[in-house]
Amino acid sequence: MMNISVFQHESILRLGCFLSILFLIYIGEKYWSRRQLRFNKHKRWATNLSMALLGSVFVRLLLPISATGIAYLSHQYGVGLFNFLHLNQAVSVILGIALLDVAIYAQHVIFHAVPWLWKFHRVHHADPDFDVSTGIRFHPIEILLSMLIKFAVIVLLGIPAIAVLIFEILLNATAMFNHSNIRLPCTVDKWVRWFIITPDMHRVHHSTDYSEMNRNFGFNLSCWDRLFGTYIDQPKLGHERMEIGLSHQQPEQTISLTHMLLMPFNKKK
């Protein structure tokens, strides 16, 4: 069972991890960049960080409880498959993290496949460059929908609160890492991507080429793309020449906060 003091200080813990990882990746991008960024970094970062902040506030206002809180309540009331089976704590934590990860993978596939969900998710893909700030650029409504899906998975399975907390920190960290503009040595990338999503692996997913955009859906573990046949190794044009973003969007619009917030409600696909 999760220590109540950890639960009470969850926000501080997660914020501390977020800022630390963001800073480390920012330094990594500065000294070991993979691609030359094409657009004004200050404007992009202002938009992407503002989007993340708005999303966080929006969800907090509508959902006064976190995913960890839902897991804690599920345990208290004995709700969910894991509570029914009385699994060993270590087994339930490891299994819970893995099942949350495959759920996020499935959710990502669905957000690409269902037109009205894609309208919100395309805000993330509209970023004309690809760096750590892209990893936190999501429309507030997508963040809300994602949280509700996560709540449902947690309650149905009865995933322990400590597993949810670990997963939330890992997901946040790996999302920033695999969206980063950091150059990994080819040998390192080759081996690391057998376990987790690397920046080169996920960058392909942000290609303007739809045959590449609909691949490499994972955020954390790379096994799901391999298992479900959505893995692709490299972009056709190579990482330096590939186009990032959405082909029908004007880059100047995609770094406008107002345009991004209204984007799901316009008629373009």
C-alpha atoms as a PDB file:
ATOM      1  CA  MET A   1       0.000   0.000   0.000  1.00  0.00           C
ATOM      2  CA  MET A   2       1.285   3.449  -0.864  1.00  0.00           C
ATOM      3  CA  ASN A   3       2.629   5.574   1.976  1.00  0.00           C
ATOM      4  CA  ILE A   4       0.037   8.294   2.639  1.00  0.00           C
ATOM      5  CA  SER A   5       2.765  10.966   2.894  1.00  0.00           C
ATOM      6  CA  VAL A   6       3.853  10.200  -0.689  1.00  0.00           C
ATOM      7  CA  PHE A   7       0.231  10.513  -1.822  1.00  0.00           C
ATOM      8  CA  GLN A   8      -0.117  13.865  -0.036  1.00  0.00           C
ATOM      9  CA  HIS A   9       3.017  15.243  -1.703  1.00  0.00           C
ATOM     10  CA  GLU A  10       2.381  13.725  -5.139  1.00  0.00           C
ATOM     11  CA  SER A  11       2.111  17.082  -6.938  1.00  0.00           C
ATOM     12  CA  ILE A  12       5.419  18.348  -5.527  1.00  0.00           C
ATOM     13  CA  LEU A  13       7.158  15.056  -6.340  1.00  0.00           C
ATOM     14  CA  ARG A  14       5.882  14.986  -9.909  1.00  0.00           C
ATOM     15  CA  LEU A  15       6.630  18.667 -10.516  1.00  0.00           C
ATOM     16  CA  GLY A  16      10.161  18.205  -9.191  1.00  0.00           C
ATOM     17  CA  CYS A  17      10.738  15.228 -11.494  1.00  0.00           C
ATOM     18  CA  PHE A  18       9.225  17.090 -14.452  1.00  0.00           C
ATOM     19  CA  LEU A  19      11.385  20.203 -14.035  1.00  0.00           C
ATOM     20  CA  SER A  20      14.557  18.189 -13.412  1.00  0.00           C
ATOM     21  CA  ILE A  21      14.076  16.030 -16.505  1.00  0.00           C
ATOM     22  CA  LEU A  22      13.057  19.013 -18.641  1.00  0.00           C
ATOM     23  CA  PHE A  23      16.238  20.840 -17.605  1.00  0.00           C
ATOM     24  CA  LEU A  24      18.506  17.838 -18.273  1.00  0.00           C
ATOM     25  CA  ILE A  25      16.998  17.224 -21.708  1.00  0.00           C
ATOM     26  CA  TYR A  26      17.196  20.936 -22.545  1.00  0.00           C
ATOM     27  CA  ILE A  27      20.939  20.817 -21.814  1.00  0.00           C
ATOM     28  CA  GLY A  28      21.260  17.639 -23.868  1.00  0.00           C
ATOM     29  CA  GLU A  29      19.509  19.262 -26.831  1.00  0.00           C
ATOM     30  CA  LYS A  30      21.779  22.275 -26.596  1.00  0.00           C
ATOM     31  CA  TYR A  31      25.012  20.278 -26.841  1.00  0.00           C
ATOM     32  CA  TRP A  32      24.004  17.093 -28.702  1.00  0.00           C
ATOM     33  CA  SER A  33      21.241  18.188 -31.078  1.00  0.00           C
ATOM     34  CA  ARG A  34      19.976  15.782 -33.748  1.00  0.00           C
ATOM     35  CA  ARG A  35      18.409  18.232 -36.215  1.00  0.00           C
ATOM     36  CA  GLN A  36      18.590  21.919 -36.944  1.00  0.00           C
ATOM     37  CA  LEU A  37      15.353  23.505 -35.710  1.00  0.00           C
ATOM     38  CA  ARG A  38      13.631  25.508 -38.446  1.00  0.00           C
ATOM     39  CA  PHE A  39      11.373  27.859 -36.518  1.00  0.00           C
ATOM     40  CA  ASN A  40      11.609  30.405 -33.724  1.00  0.00           C
ATOM     41  CA  LYS A  41      12.306  28.358 -30.603  1.00  0.00           C
ATOM     42  CA  HIS A  42      11.131  31.047 -28.165  1.00  0.00           C
ATOM     43  CA  LYS A  43       7.693  31.336 -29.818  1.00  0.00           C
ATOM     44  CA  ARG A  44       7.290  27.560 -30.062  1.00  0.00           C
ATOM     45  CA  TRP A  45       8.277  26.990 -26.471  1.00  0.00           C
ATOM     46  CA  ALA A  46       5.968  29.779 -25.282  1.00  0.00           C
ATOM     47  CA  THR A  47       3.064  28.108 -27.108  1.00  0.00           C
ATOM     48  CA  ASN A  48       3.933  24.557 -26.048  1.00  0.00           C
ATOM     49  CA  LEU A  49       4.530  25.434 -22.394  1.00  0.00           C
ATOM     50  CA  SER A  50       1.349  27.533 -22.304  1.00  0.00           C
ATOM     51  CA  MET A  51      -0.599  24.623 -23.786  1.00  0.00           C
ATOM     52  CA  ALA A  52       0.774  22.301 -21.101  1.00  0.00           C
ATOM     53  CA  LEU A  53      -0.065  24.759 -18.323  1.00  0.00           C
ATOM     54  CA  LEU A  54      -3.592  25.345 -19.629  1.00  0.00           C
ATOM     55  CA  GLY A  55      -4.151  21.606 -19.921  1.00  0.00           C
ATOM     56  CA  SER A  56      -3.002  21.015 -16.357  1.00  0.00           C
ATOM     57  CA  VAL A  57      -5.256  23.757 -14.960  1.00  0.00           C
ATOM     58  CA  PHE A  58      -8.203  22.621 -17.110  1.00  0.00           C
ATOM     59  CA  VAL A  59      -7.983  19.032 -15.854  1.00  0.00           C
ATOM     60  CA  ARG A  60      -7.497  20.122 -12.234  1.00  0.00           C
ATOM     61  CA  LEU A  61     -10.628  22.269 -12.407  1.00  0.00           C
ATOM     62  CA  LEU A  62     -12.792  19.519 -13.910  1.00  0.00           C
ATOM     63  CA  LEU A  63     -11.259  16.524 -12.134  1.00  0.00           C
ATOM     64  CA  PRO A  64     -10.426  17.339  -8.509  1.00  0.00           C
ATOM     65  CA  ILE A  65      -8.750  13.934  -8.061  1.00  0.00           C
ATOM     66  CA  SER A  66      -5.611  12.530  -9.706  1.00  0.00           C
ATOM     67  CA  ALA A  67      -5.054   9.105 -11.268  1.00  0.00           C
ATOM     68  CA  THR A  68      -3.137   8.128  -8.125  1.00  0.00           C
ATOM     69  CA  GLY A  69      -6.086   9.263  -6.011  1.00  0.00           C
ATOM     70  CA  ILE A  70      -8.473   7.113  -8.057  1.00  0.00           C
ATOM     71  CA  ALA A  71      -6.159   4.129  -7.547  1.00  0.00           C
ATOM     72  CA  TYR A  72      -6.029   4.791  -3.797  1.00  0.00           C
ATOM     73  CA  LEU A  73      -9.840   4.886  -3.570  1.00  0.00           C
ATOM     74  CA  SER A  74     -10.149   1.725  -5.685  1.00  0.00           C
ATOM     75  CA  HIS A  75      -7.898  -0.078  -3.216  1.00  0.00           C
ATOM     76  CA  GLN A  76      -9.833   1.261  -0.229  1.00  0.00           C
ATOM     77  CA  TYR A  77     -13.109  -0.074  -1.638  1.00  0.00           C
ATOM     78  CA  GLY A  78     -11.635  -3.283  -3.086  1.00  0.00           C
ATOM     79  CA  VAL A  79     -12.626  -2.378  -6.645  1.00  0.00           C
ATOM     80  CA  GLY A  80     -10.939  -3.870  -9.704  1.00  0.00           C
ATOM     81  CA  LEU A  81      -9.503  -7.160 -10.962  1.00  0.00           C
ATOM     82  CA  PHE A  82      -6.230  -6.982  -9.023  1.00  0.00           C
ATOM     83  CA  ASN A  83      -8.063  -6.471  -5.729  1.00  0.00           C
ATOM     84  CA  PHE A  84     -10.360  -9.390  -6.517  1.00  0.00           C
ATOM     85  CA  LEU A  85      -7.407 -11.696  -7.296  1.00  0.00           C
ATOM     86  CA  HIS A  86      -5.393 -10.542  -4.254  1.00  0.00           C
ATOM     87  CA  LEU A  87      -2.172 -10.446  -6.276  1.00  0.00           C
ATOM     88  CA  ASN A  88       1.219 -10.095  -4.650  1.00  0.00           C
ATOM     89  CA  GLN A  89       2.136  -6.391  -4.278  1.00  0.00           C
ATOM     90  CA  ALA A  90       5.275  -6.614  -6.442  1.00  0.00           C
ATOM     91  CA  VAL A  91       3.438  -8.549  -9.158  1.00  0.00           C
ATOM     92  CA  SER A  92       0.515  -6.123  -9.178  1.00  0.00           C
ATOM     93  CA  VAL A  93       2.859  -3.111  -9.423  1.00  0.00           C
ATOM     94  CA  ILE A  94       4.894  -4.516 -12.336  1.00  0.00           C
ATOM     95  CA  LEU A  95       1.813  -5.835 -14.127  1.00  0.00           C
ATOM     96  CA  GLY A  96      -0.057  -2.591 -13.471  1.00  0.00           C
ATOM     97  CA  ILE A  97       2.691  -0.472 -15.019  1.00  0.00           C
ATOM     98  CA  ALA A  98       2.852  -2.737 -18.085  1.00  0.00           C
ATOM     99  CA  LEU A  99      -0.930  -2.723 -18.569  1.00  0.00           C
ATOM    100  CA  LEU A 100      -1.136   1.052 -18.203  1.00  0.00           C
ATOM    101  CA  ASP A 101       1.556   1.343 -20.848  1.00  0.00           C
ATOM    102  CA  VAL A 102      -0.220  -0.890 -23.352  1.00  0.00           C
ATOM    103  CA  ALA A 103      -3.428   1.047 -22.618  1.00  0.00           C
ATOM    104  CA  ILE A 104      -1.657   4.305 -23.519  1.00  0.00           C
ATOM    105  CA  TYR A 105      -0.386   2.668 -26.712  1.00  0.00           C
ATOM    106  CA  ALA A 106      -3.926   1.542 -27.623  1.00  0.00           C
ATOM    107  CA  GLN A 107      -5.324   4.966 -26.792  1.00  0.00           C
ATOM    108  CA  HIS A 108      -2.767   6.579 -29.090  1.00  0.00           C
ATOM    109  CA  VAL A 109      -3.741   4.272 -31.965  1.00  0.00           C
ATOM    110  CA  ILE A 110      -7.422   5.100 -31.386  1.00  0.00           C
ATOM    111  CA  PHE A 111      -6.753   8.855 -31.318  1.00  0.00           C
ATOM    112  CA  HIS A 112      -5.275   8.497 -34.805  1.00  0.00           C
ATOM    113  CA  ALA A 113      -8.034   6.229 -36.117  1.00  0.00           C
ATOM    114  CA  VAL A 114     -11.177   7.995 -34.861  1.00  0.00           C
ATOM    115  CA  PRO A 115     -11.759  11.275 -36.765  1.00  0.00           C
ATOM    116  CA  TRP A 116     -13.177  13.377 -33.902  1.00  0.00           C
ATOM    117  CA  LEU A 117     -10.383  12.262 -31.562  1.00  0.00           C
ATOM    118  CA  TRP A 118      -7.780  12.990 -34.236  1.00  0.00           C
ATOM    119  CA  LYS A 119      -9.056  16.581 -34.372  1.00  0.00           C
ATOM    120  CA  PHE A 120      -7.681  17.075 -30.852  1.00  0.00           C
ATOM    121  CA  HIS A 121      -4.575  14.918 -31.202  1.00  0.00           C
ATOM    122  CA  ARG A 122      -3.450  16.669 -34.386  1.00  0.00           C
ATOM    123  CA  VAL A 123      -2.626  19.727 -32.247  1.00  0.00           C
ATOM    124  CA  HIS A 124       0.282  17.664 -30.932  1.00  0.00           C
ATOM    125  CA  HIS A 125       1.343  16.658 -34.453  1.00  0.00           C
ATOM    126  CA  ALA A 126       1.049  20.191 -35.810  1.00  0.00           C
ATOM    127  CA  ASP A 127       4.315  21.263 -34.151  1.00  0.00           C
ATOM    128  CA  PRO A 128       6.591  22.091 -37.117  1.00  0.00           C
ATOM    129  CA  ASP A 129       9.711  21.174 -35.133  1.00  0.00           C
ATOM    130  CA  PHE A 130      10.475  18.285 -32.806  1.00  0.00           C
ATOM    131  CA  ASP A 131      12.064  18.780 -29.407  1.00  0.00           C
ATOM    132  CA  VAL A 132      11.367  18.221 -25.720  1.00  0.00           C
ATOM    133  CA  SER A 133       8.627  20.875 -25.690  1.00  0.00           C
ATOM    134  CA  THR A 134       6.673  18.842 -28.279  1.00  0.00           C
ATOM    135  CA  GLY A 135       6.303  16.129 -25.645  1.00  0.00           C
ATOM    136  CA  ILE A 136       4.108  18.349 -23.470  1.00  0.00           C
ATOM    137  CA  ARG A 137       2.117  19.992 -26.275  1.00  0.00           C
ATOM    138  CA  PHE A 138      -1.390  18.517 -26.110  1.00  0.00           C
ATOM    139  CA  HIS A 139      -4.799  20.138 -26.417  1.00  0.00           C
ATOM    140  CA  PRO A 140      -6.510  20.505 -22.995  1.00  0.00           C
ATOM    141  CA  ILE A 141      -9.480  18.404 -24.132  1.00  0.00           C
ATOM    142  CA  GLU A 142      -7.162  15.587 -25.235  1.00  0.00           C
ATOM    143  CA  ILE A 143      -5.501  15.677 -21.808  1.00  0.00           C
ATOM    144  CA  LEU A 144      -8.933  15.443 -20.159  1.00  0.00           C
ATOM    145  CA  LEU A 145     -10.017  12.529 -22.367  1.00  0.00           C
ATOM    146  CA  SER A 146      -6.722  10.736 -21.745  1.00  0.00           C
ATOM    147  CA  MET A 147      -7.147  11.125 -18.002  1.00  0.00           C
ATOM    148  CA  LEU A 148     -10.696   9.732 -18.102  1.00  0.00           C
ATOM    149  CA  ILE A 149      -9.488   6.705 -20.080  1.00  0.00           C
ATOM    150  CA  LYS A 150      -6.701   6.207 -17.549  1.00  0.00           C
ATOM    151  CA  PHE A 151      -9.211   6.426 -14.687  1.00  0.00           C
ATOM    152  CA  ALA A 152     -11.321   3.698 -16.315  1.00  0.00           C
ATOM    153  CA  VAL A 153      -8.323   1.373 -16.753  1.00  0.00           C
ATOM    154  CA  ILE A 154      -7.202   1.926 -13.145  1.00  0.00           C
ATOM    155  CA  VAL A 155     -10.659   1.245 -11.693  1.00  0.00           C
ATOM    156  CA  LEU A 156     -11.368  -1.809 -13.871  1.00  0.00           C
ATOM    157  CA  LEU A 157      -8.022  -3.415 -13.073  1.00  0.00           C
ATOM    158  CA  GLY A 158      -7.595  -2.129  -9.522  1.00  0.00           C
ATOM    159  CA  ILE A 159      -4.021  -1.004 -10.213  1.00  0.00           C
ATOM    160  CA  PRO A 160      -2.146  -0.045  -7.008  1.00  0.00           C
ATOM    161  CA  ALA A 161      -1.609   3.652  -6.328  1.00  0.00           C
ATOM    162  CA  ILE A 162       2.181   3.264  -6.145  1.00  0.00           C
ATOM    163  CA  ALA A 163       2.165   1.645  -9.611  1.00  0.00           C
ATOM    164  CA  VAL A 164       0.122   4.556 -10.970  1.00  0.00           C
ATOM    165  CA  LEU A 165       2.475   7.117  -9.428  1.00  0.00           C
ATOM    166  CA  ILE A 166       5.558   5.361 -10.835  1.00  0.00           C
ATOM    167  CA  PHE A 167       3.892   5.074 -14.236  1.00  0.00           C
ATOM    168  CA  GLU A 168       2.876   8.747 -14.314  1.00  0.00           C
ATOM    169  CA  ILE A 169       6.457   9.842 -13.553  1.00  0.00           C
ATOM    170  CA  LEU A 170       7.898   7.367 -16.084  1.00  0.00           C
ATOM    171  CA  LEU A 171       5.414   8.368 -18.790  1.00  0.00           C
ATOM    172  CA  ASN A 172       6.157  12.051 -18.298  1.00  0.00           C
ATOM    173  CA  ALA A 173       9.909  11.408 -18.385  1.00  0.00           C
ATOM    174  CA  THR A 174       9.879   9.114 -21.411  1.00  0.00           C
ATOM    175  CA  ALA A 175       7.484  11.383 -23.344  1.00  0.00           C
ATOM    176  CA  MET A 176       9.944  14.256 -22.941  1.00  0.00           C
ATOM    177  CA  PHE A 177      12.916  12.018 -23.751  1.00  0.00           C
ATOM    178  CA  ASN A 178      11.457  10.424 -26.873  1.00  0.00           C
ATOM    179  CA  HIS A 179      10.333  13.805 -28.202  1.00  0.00           C
ATOM    180  CA  SER A 180      13.761  15.327 -27.575  1.00  0.00           C
ATOM    181  CA  ASN A 181      16.115  16.638 -30.225  1.00  0.00           C
ATOM    182  CA  ILE A 182      19.021  14.681 -28.743  1.00  0.00           C
ATOM    183  CA  ARG A 183      21.426  12.715 -30.914  1.00  0.00           C
ATOM    184  CA  LEU A 184      22.133   9.249 -29.571  1.00  0.00           C
ATOM    185  CA  PRO A 185      25.058   7.277 -31.040  1.00  0.00           C
ATOM    186  CA  CYS A 186      23.676   4.813 -33.613  1.00  0.00           C
ATOM    187  CA  THR A 187      24.828   1.785 -31.623  1.00  0.00           C
ATOM    188  CA  VAL A 188      23.236   3.115 -28.427  1.00  0.00           C
ATOM    189  CA  ASP A 189      19.970   3.904 -30.224  1.00  0.00           C
ATOM    190  CA  LYS A 190      19.919   0.466 -31.822  1.00  0.00           C
ATOM    191  CA  TRP A 191      20.090  -1.301 -28.454  1.00  0.00           C
ATOM    192  CA  VAL A 192      18.026   1.107 -26.341  1.00  0.00           C
ATOM    193  CA  ARG A 193      15.066   0.972 -28.742  1.00  0.00           C
ATOM    194  CA  TRP A 194      14.656  -2.722 -28.026  1.00  0.00           C
ATOM    195  CA  PHE A 195      13.425  -1.665 -24.582  1.00  0.00           C
ATOM    196  CA  ILE A 196      12.151   1.924 -24.640  1.00  0.00           C
ATOM    197  CA  ILE A 197      11.162   4.459 -27.290  1.00  0.00           C
ATOM    198  CA  THR A 198      14.137   6.533 -28.452  1.00  0.00           C
ATOM    199  CA  PRO A 199      13.939  10.031 -29.996  1.00  0.00           C
ATOM    200  CA  ASP A 200      14.803   8.682 -33.462  1.00  0.00           C
ATOM    201  CA  MET A 201      12.145   5.995 -33.162  1.00  0.00           C
ATOM    202  CA  HIS A 202       9.391   8.418 -32.175  1.00  0.00           C
ATOM    203  CA  ARG A 203      10.458  11.207 -34.545  1.00  0.00           C
ATOM    204  CA  VAL A 204       9.314   9.006 -37.437  1.00  0.00           C
ATOM    205  CA  HIS A 205       5.806   9.167 -35.955  1.00  0.00           C
ATOM    206  CA  HIS A 206       5.867  12.964 -36.387  1.00  0.00           C
ATOM    207  CA  SER A 207       6.546  12.780 -40.122  1.00  0.00           C
ATOM    208  CA  THR A 208       4.212  14.595 -42.520  1.00  0.00           C
ATOM    209  CA  ASP A 209       4.075  11.290 -44.441  1.00  0.00           C
ATOM    210  CA  TYR A 210       0.925   9.540 -43.183  1.00  0.00           C
ATOM    211  CA  SER A 211       2.417   6.089 -43.793  1.00  0.00           C
ATOM    212  CA  GLU A 212       5.095   7.006 -41.237  1.00  0.00           C
ATOM    213  CA  MET A 213       2.842   9.037 -38.953  1.00  0.00           C
ATOM    214  CA  ASN A 214       0.701   5.960 -38.351  1.00  0.00           C
ATOM    215  CA  ARG A 215       3.634   3.972 -36.962  1.00  0.00           C
ATOM    216  CA  ASN A 216       5.631   3.921 -33.705  1.00  0.00           C
ATOM    217  CA  PHE A 217       2.740   4.785 -31.388  1.00  0.00           C
ATOM    218  CA  GLY A 218       4.459   3.822 -28.137  1.00  0.00           C
ATOM    219  CA  PHE A 219       5.425   6.367 -25.486  1.00  0.00           C
ATOM    220  CA  ASN A 220       7.372   4.232 -23.038  1.00  0.00           C
ATOM    221  CA  LEU A 221       8.025   0.555 -23.828  1.00  0.00           C
ATOM    222  CA  SER A 222       8.879  -0.215 -27.452  1.00  0.00           C
ATOM    223  CA  CYS A 223       7.582  -3.790 -27.388  1.00  0.00           C
ATOM    224  CA  TRP A 224       3.977  -2.860 -28.200  1.00  0.00           C
ATOM    225  CA  ASP A 225       4.806  -1.471 -31.653  1.00  0.00           C
ATOM    226  CA  ARG A 226       6.804  -4.590 -32.466  1.00  0.00           C
ATOM    227  CA  LEU A 227       4.120  -6.898 -31.067  1.00  0.00           C
ATOM    228  CA  PHE A 228       1.193  -5.243 -32.886  1.00  0.00           C
ATOM    229  CA  GLY A 229       2.983  -4.608 -36.185  1.00  0.00           C
ATOM    230  CA  THR A 230       3.177  -0.806 -36.051  1.00  0.00           C
ATOM    231  CA  TYR A 231       6.966  -0.559 -35.779  1.00  0.00           C
ATOM    232  CA  ILE A 232       9.034   1.183 -38.449  1.00  0.00           C
ATOM    233  CA  ASP A 233      12.794   1.531 -38.200  1.00  0.00           C
ATOM    234  CA  GLN A 234      13.714   4.740 -40.036  1.00  0.00           C
ATOM    235  CA  PRO A 235      12.014   7.495 -42.100  1.00  0.00           C
ATOM    236  CA  LYS A 236      12.279   7.204 -45.886  1.00  0.00           C
ATOM    237  CA  LEU A 237      14.092  10.541 -46.239  1.00  0.00           C
ATOM    238  CA  GLY A 238      16.330  10.151 -43.200  1.00  0.00           C
ATOM    239  CA  HIS A 239      16.086  12.130 -39.963  1.00  0.00           C
ATOM    240  CA  GLU A 240      17.775  15.272 -41.285  1.00  0.00           C
ATOM    241  CA  ARG A 241      15.618  15.563 -44.420  1.00  0.00           C
ATOM    242  CA  MET A 242      12.235  14.321 -43.205  1.00  0.00           C
ATOM    243  CA  GLU A 243       9.445  16.880 -42.825  1.00  0.00           C
ATOM    244  CA  ILE A 244       7.922  17.310 -39.366  1.00  0.00           C
ATOM    245  CA  GLY A 245       4.329  18.342 -38.631  1.00  0.00           C
ATOM    246  CA  LEU A 246       1.172  18.434 -40.749  1.00  0.00           C
ATOM    247  CA  SER A 247       1.569  19.099 -44.463  1.00  0.00           C
ATOM    248  CA  HIS A 248      -1.627  21.176 -44.782  1.00  0.00           C
ATOM    249  CA  GLN A 249      -0.841  23.535 -41.888  1.00  0.00           C
ATOM    250  CA  GLN A 250       1.027  26.827 -42.168  1.00  0.00           C
ATOM    251  CA  PRO A 251       3.939  26.655 -39.679  1.00  0.00           C
ATOM    252  CA  GLU A 252       3.277  30.220 -38.504  1.00  0.00           C
ATOM    253  CA  GLN A 253      -0.221  29.169 -37.409  1.00  0.00           C
ATOM    254  CA  THR A 254       0.996  26.078 -35.570  1.00  0.00           C
ATOM    255  CA  ILE A 255       3.059  28.157 -33.155  1.00  0.00           C
ATOM    256  CA  SER A 256       0.095  30.390 -32.312  1.00  0.00           C
ATOM    257  CA  LEU A 257      -1.555  29.442 -29.009  1.00  0.00           C
ATOM    258  CA  THR A 258      -4.969  30.775 -30.072  1.00  0.00           C
ATOM    259  CA  HIS A 259      -4.853  28.893 -33.372  1.00  0.00           C
ATOM    260  CA  MET A 260      -3.880  25.663 -31.615  1.00  0.00           C
ATOM    261  CA  LEU A 261      -6.697  25.918 -29.078  1.00  0.00           C
ATOM    262  CA  LEU A 262      -9.235  26.485 -31.873  1.00  0.00           C
ATOM    263  CA  MET A 263      -7.691  23.998 -34.307  1.00  0.00           C
ATOM    264  CA  PRO A 264      -9.885  20.983 -33.351  1.00  0.00           C
ATOM    265  CA  PHE A 265     -12.980  22.973 -34.218  1.00  0.00           C
ATOM    266  CA  ASN A 266     -12.045  23.930 -37.773  1.00  0.00           C
ATOM    267  CA  LYS A 267     -12.976  21.760 -40.749  1.00  0.00           C
ATOM    268  CA  LYS A 268      -9.541  20.689 -41.976  1.00  0.00           C
ATOM    269  CA  LYS A 269      -8.564  17.060 -41.415  1.00  0.00           C
END
